[in-house]
Protein backbone atom coordinates (compact mmCIF):
# COMPACT_ATOMS: atom_id res chain seq x y z
CA MET A 1 -11.65 13.95 12.43
CA SER A 2 -8.13 14.54 13.73
CA THR A 3 -4.81 14.77 11.95
CA HIS A 4 -1.25 15.02 12.90
CA GLU A 5 2.35 14.15 11.61
CA SER A 6 4.61 11.87 13.61
CA ALA A 7 7.76 9.81 13.37
CA SER A 8 6.88 6.05 13.98
CA LYS A 9 8.69 4.19 16.64
CA SER A 10 8.62 0.45 16.75
CA SER A 11 10.88 -2.33 18.07
CA ASP A 12 10.23 -4.14 14.76
CA ILE A 13 12.38 -1.67 12.68
CA HIS A 14 15.88 -2.53 11.88
CA PRO A 15 18.09 -0.36 14.03
CA ASP A 16 19.97 1.04 11.11
CA LEU A 17 16.68 2.25 9.36
CA PRO A 18 15.06 5.51 10.48
CA ALA A 19 11.31 5.36 11.40
CA LEU A 20 9.12 6.67 8.58
CA GLU A 21 7.45 10.05 9.26
CA THR A 22 3.68 9.81 8.80
CA VAL A 23 0.46 11.75 8.37
CA GLU A 24 -2.37 10.42 10.40
CA LEU A 25 -6.04 11.03 10.32
CA SER A 26 -8.62 9.34 12.45
CA SER A 27 -12.37 9.27 11.63
CA GLY A 28 -13.16 9.04 15.33
CA LEU A 29 -11.80 9.14 18.78
CA GLU A 30 -11.42 5.37 19.34
CA PRO A 31 -10.12 3.72 16.23
CA SER A 32 -10.75 -0.04 16.00
CA ALA A 33 -9.12 -0.45 12.59
CA SER A 34 -6.22 1.11 10.52
CA VAL A 35 -5.48 1.74 6.96
CA ILE A 36 -1.82 2.14 6.02
CA TRP A 37 -1.56 3.85 2.65
CA LEU A 38 1.60 4.33 0.62
CA HIS A 39 1.87 7.01 -1.95
CA GLY A 40 3.51 6.82 -5.38
CA LEU A 41 6.87 7.96 -6.69
CA GLY A 42 7.63 11.62 -6.05
CA ALA A 43 4.46 12.31 -3.95
CA ASP A 44 4.31 12.31 -0.15
CA GLY A 45 2.03 11.15 2.58
CA HIS A 46 -0.33 14.08 2.11
CA ASP A 47 -1.21 12.80 -1.40
CA PHE A 48 -4.31 10.68 -0.52
CA GLU A 49 -5.19 12.63 2.74
CA PRO A 50 -8.16 14.41 0.94
CA LEU A 51 -9.81 11.04 0.16
CA VAL A 52 -10.37 10.04 3.77
CA PRO A 53 -13.72 11.76 4.25
CA GLN A 54 -15.02 9.70 1.22
CA LEU A 55 -13.83 6.41 2.68
CA SER A 56 -16.61 5.97 5.07
CA TRP A 57 -20.24 4.49 5.13
CA PRO A 58 -23.12 4.59 7.66
CA GLY A 59 -22.16 2.92 10.75
CA ALA A 60 -18.49 2.67 9.84
CA PRO A 61 -16.12 2.14 12.80
CA ASP A 62 -13.63 4.69 13.84
CA ILE A 63 -10.55 4.08 11.44
CA ARG A 64 -7.03 5.54 11.70
CA PHE A 65 -5.53 6.28 8.35
CA VAL A 66 -1.77 6.24 8.33
CA PHE A 67 0.01 7.91 5.24
CA PRO A 68 3.74 7.45 5.59
CA HIS A 69 6.28 9.65 3.69
CA ALA A 70 8.71 7.60 1.62
CA PRO A 71 12.43 8.50 2.19
CA VAL A 72 14.17 11.03 0.02
CA ARG A 73 16.68 9.26 -2.24
CA PRO A 74 18.36 9.75 -5.65
CA VAL A 75 16.28 8.30 -8.47
CA THR A 76 17.91 7.08 -11.71
CA LEU A 77 14.75 7.71 -13.64
CA ASN A 78 14.78 11.40 -12.48
CA GLY A 79 18.28 11.96 -13.60
CA GLY A 80 19.72 11.01 -10.28
CA MET A 81 17.80 13.92 -8.44
CA PRO A 82 16.61 13.18 -5.03
CA MET A 83 12.88 12.69 -4.45
CA ARG A 84 10.54 10.66 -2.34
CA ALA A 85 10.77 7.11 -3.41
CA TRP A 86 10.28 3.73 -1.91
CA TYR A 87 13.23 2.44 -3.97
CA ASP A 88 15.30 3.46 -6.97
CA ILE A 89 13.78 2.95 -10.41
CA LEU A 90 16.16 2.68 -13.39
CA SER A 91 13.59 2.84 -16.25
CA ILE A 92 9.93 2.76 -17.09
CA ASP A 93 9.54 -0.91 -18.25
CA ALA A 94 8.54 -4.20 -16.84
CA SER A 95 12.01 -4.63 -15.03
CA ARG A 96 11.46 -1.93 -12.22
CA ASP A 97 12.78 -4.05 -9.37
CA GLN A 98 16.49 -3.77 -9.59
CA ASP A 99 16.92 -1.99 -6.29
CA GLY A 100 16.57 -4.92 -4.17
CA ARG A 101 18.07 -3.24 -1.03
CA GLY A 102 15.78 -0.29 -1.31
CA ILE A 103 12.77 -2.66 -1.70
CA ILE A 104 13.81 -4.61 1.40
CA ASP A 105 14.45 -1.56 3.55
CA SER A 106 11.06 -0.01 2.54
CA VAL A 107 9.32 -3.31 3.36
CA ASN A 108 10.96 -3.35 6.69
CA GLN A 109 10.02 0.19 7.51
CA VAL A 110 6.32 -0.24 6.52
CA ALA A 111 6.24 -3.44 8.51
CA ALA A 112 7.37 -1.34 11.56
CA LEU A 113 4.26 0.75 10.93
CA ILE A 114 2.05 -2.42 11.12
CA GLY A 115 3.87 -3.24 14.34
CA GLN A 116 3.12 0.20 15.71
CA GLU A 117 -0.57 -0.08 15.04
CA ILE A 118 -0.55 -3.47 16.69
CA ASP A 119 1.19 -1.76 19.72
CA ARG A 120 -1.58 0.73 19.76
CA GLY A 121 -4.11 -1.86 20.21
CA ILE A 122 -5.26 -2.67 16.68
CA PRO A 123 -5.11 -6.40 15.91
CA PRO A 124 -3.44 -7.30 12.64
CA GLU A 125 -6.76 -8.72 11.27
CA ARG A 126 -8.09 -5.09 11.49
CA ILE A 127 -5.24 -3.51 9.55
CA VAL A 128 -5.50 -2.86 5.70
CA LEU A 129 -2.37 -2.18 3.77
CA ALA A 130 -2.91 0.04 0.62
CA GLY A 131 -0.62 1.59 -2.06
CA PHE A 132 -0.60 3.43 -5.27
CA SER A 133 1.98 2.78 -8.09
CA GLN A 134 5.42 2.32 -6.49
CA GLY A 135 3.85 2.39 -3.08
CA GLY A 136 1.38 -0.25 -4.25
CA ALA A 137 4.27 -2.34 -5.29
CA ILE A 138 5.71 -2.20 -1.70
CA ALA A 139 2.30 -2.86 -0.21
CA VAL A 140 1.86 -5.92 -2.28
CA GLN A 141 5.41 -7.17 -1.48
CA LEU A 142 4.83 -6.78 2.30
CA ALA A 143 1.20 -7.96 2.71
CA LEU A 144 1.56 -11.28 1.01
CA ARG A 145 4.61 -12.08 3.13
CA TYR A 146 3.49 -10.76 6.43
CA PRO A 147 3.53 -13.30 9.10
CA SER A 148 0.13 -12.34 10.79
CA ARG A 149 -3.24 -12.34 9.02
CA LEU A 150 -4.13 -8.79 7.80
CA ALA A 151 -7.71 -7.58 6.86
CA GLY A 152 -6.83 -6.96 3.34
CA LEU A 153 -4.60 -5.35 0.56
CA ILE A 154 -5.48 -2.53 -1.82
CA ALA A 155 -3.15 -2.28 -4.87
CA LEU A 156 -3.89 0.63 -7.23
CA SER A 157 -2.18 1.34 -10.52
CA THR A 158 0.62 -0.97 -9.62
CA TYR A 159 2.52 -4.08 -10.28
CA LEU A 160 4.17 -7.14 -8.87
CA LEU A 161 7.89 -7.17 -7.78
CA PHE A 162 9.76 -10.36 -8.14
CA PRO A 163 6.76 -12.33 -9.53
CA ASP A 164 8.88 -15.50 -9.82
CA ARG A 165 9.47 -15.57 -6.03
CA LEU A 166 5.79 -14.95 -4.89
CA GLU A 167 4.53 -18.42 -4.57
CA SER A 168 7.47 -19.68 -2.53
CA GLN A 169 7.82 -16.55 -0.37
CA ALA A 170 4.08 -15.89 0.40
CA HIS A 171 3.29 -16.50 4.07
CA ASP A 172 0.52 -19.03 5.01
CA ALA A 173 -1.03 -16.52 7.33
CA ASN A 174 -2.10 -14.38 4.30
CA ARG A 175 -2.63 -17.10 1.76
CA GLU A 176 -6.39 -16.16 1.49
CA LEU A 177 -5.86 -12.42 2.01
CA PRO A 178 -8.73 -10.35 0.24
CA VAL A 179 -7.11 -8.11 -2.48
CA PHE A 180 -8.53 -5.11 -4.30
CA VAL A 181 -6.71 -4.32 -7.52
CA GLY A 182 -7.68 -1.22 -9.49
CA HIS A 183 -6.01 0.18 -12.73
CA GLY A 184 -6.64 2.77 -15.38
CA SER A 185 -7.16 1.29 -18.84
CA SER A 186 -4.95 4.04 -20.44
CA ASP A 187 -2.23 4.39 -17.92
CA PRO A 188 1.00 5.61 -19.45
CA MET A 189 3.15 5.12 -16.41
CA VAL A 190 2.34 1.63 -15.30
CA PRO A 191 0.88 -0.23 -18.33
CA PHE A 192 -2.58 -1.68 -17.88
CA SER A 193 -1.17 -5.01 -18.83
CA MET A 194 1.00 -4.92 -15.54
CA GLY A 195 -2.12 -4.49 -13.44
CA GLU A 196 -3.84 -7.32 -15.15
CA ALA A 197 -0.87 -9.59 -14.69
CA LEU A 198 -0.82 -8.76 -10.96
CA ALA A 199 -4.47 -9.63 -10.65
CA ARG A 200 -4.10 -12.84 -12.67
CA GLN A 201 -1.18 -14.12 -10.75
CA LEU A 202 -2.76 -13.61 -7.38
CA GLU A 203 -5.99 -15.38 -8.59
CA SER A 204 -3.85 -18.22 -9.93
CA ILE A 205 -2.43 -19.14 -6.48
CA GLY A 206 -5.67 -18.76 -4.67
CA TYR A 207 -5.99 -15.16 -3.46
CA PRO A 208 -9.61 -13.59 -3.61
CA VAL A 209 -9.05 -10.77 -5.94
CA GLU A 210 -11.55 -8.03 -6.77
CA TRP A 211 -10.38 -6.57 -10.08
CA HIS A 212 -11.52 -3.24 -11.44
CA SER A 213 -10.44 -1.25 -14.51
CA TYR A 214 -11.34 2.37 -14.98
CA PRO A 215 -11.24 4.63 -18.11
CA MET A 216 -8.55 6.89 -16.72
CA GLN A 217 -4.65 7.27 -16.85
CA HIS A 218 -2.32 7.09 -13.86
CA ALA A 219 -4.70 8.31 -11.25
CA VAL A 220 -7.75 7.51 -9.06
CA CYS A 221 -11.24 8.38 -9.97
CA PRO A 222 -14.55 8.87 -8.07
CA GLN A 223 -15.86 5.41 -9.13
CA GLU A 224 -12.59 3.74 -7.87
CA ILE A 225 -12.91 5.50 -4.50
CA SER A 226 -16.52 4.41 -4.30
CA ASP A 227 -15.56 0.91 -5.01
CA ILE A 228 -12.82 0.87 -2.49
CA THR A 229 -15.12 2.16 0.19
CA GLN A 230 -17.50 -0.72 -0.49
CA TRP A 231 -14.63 -3.10 -0.38
CA LEU A 232 -13.39 -1.64 2.91
CA ARG A 233 -16.88 -2.05 4.36
CA GLY A 234 -16.77 -5.70 3.68
CA ARG A 235 -13.44 -6.03 5.35
CA LEU A 236 -13.81 -3.68 8.37
CA ALA A 237 -17.59 -3.19 9.09
């Protein structure tokens, strides 16, 4: 397994936006699939790096895991102090999506990472977009609107941004995108009800959702990782 850090370069990114720095791990020398995984508020691209050895199965293809670092920006919820964040959060409540500019910028920067993987020879239908908490919100926002069919979406302990816009903005290319949604039943940061609402709304407009709840707080657990591995096997084997 190899690992390195890099700054992504892609013609898809807006010229005024910097390329995201990433941590990359490959399970073999010739990746035929990619998983782009976004961390949560205040973490960085190293956060889910230790899980990579567990996300495999007998006969699994070589997979490249791309873990971008969110930009450092002032976060209102953190007293205005800078931290890694995909967009500003004003408060912990259901209305977390006030920073429309930050959301759009992060969506465009992550879309550039998908473009980079395509440029490296991975077809979009072999690319999974994943995210935890705030990173999960960006992953959902992008994957359902992406103009080429992806392999799947993993949404962990997260929520739906702009839920009233989803049905009108969802791209036909990903209208049947497989989605894994996992959430802790005692999550104090992103209430369990928000994860349920995400899964229900996606199901209501036709997405094949695999929903899991776990007896945990704002975290991941071994059973969730096992379930994700089996789900990935169904998408990428």
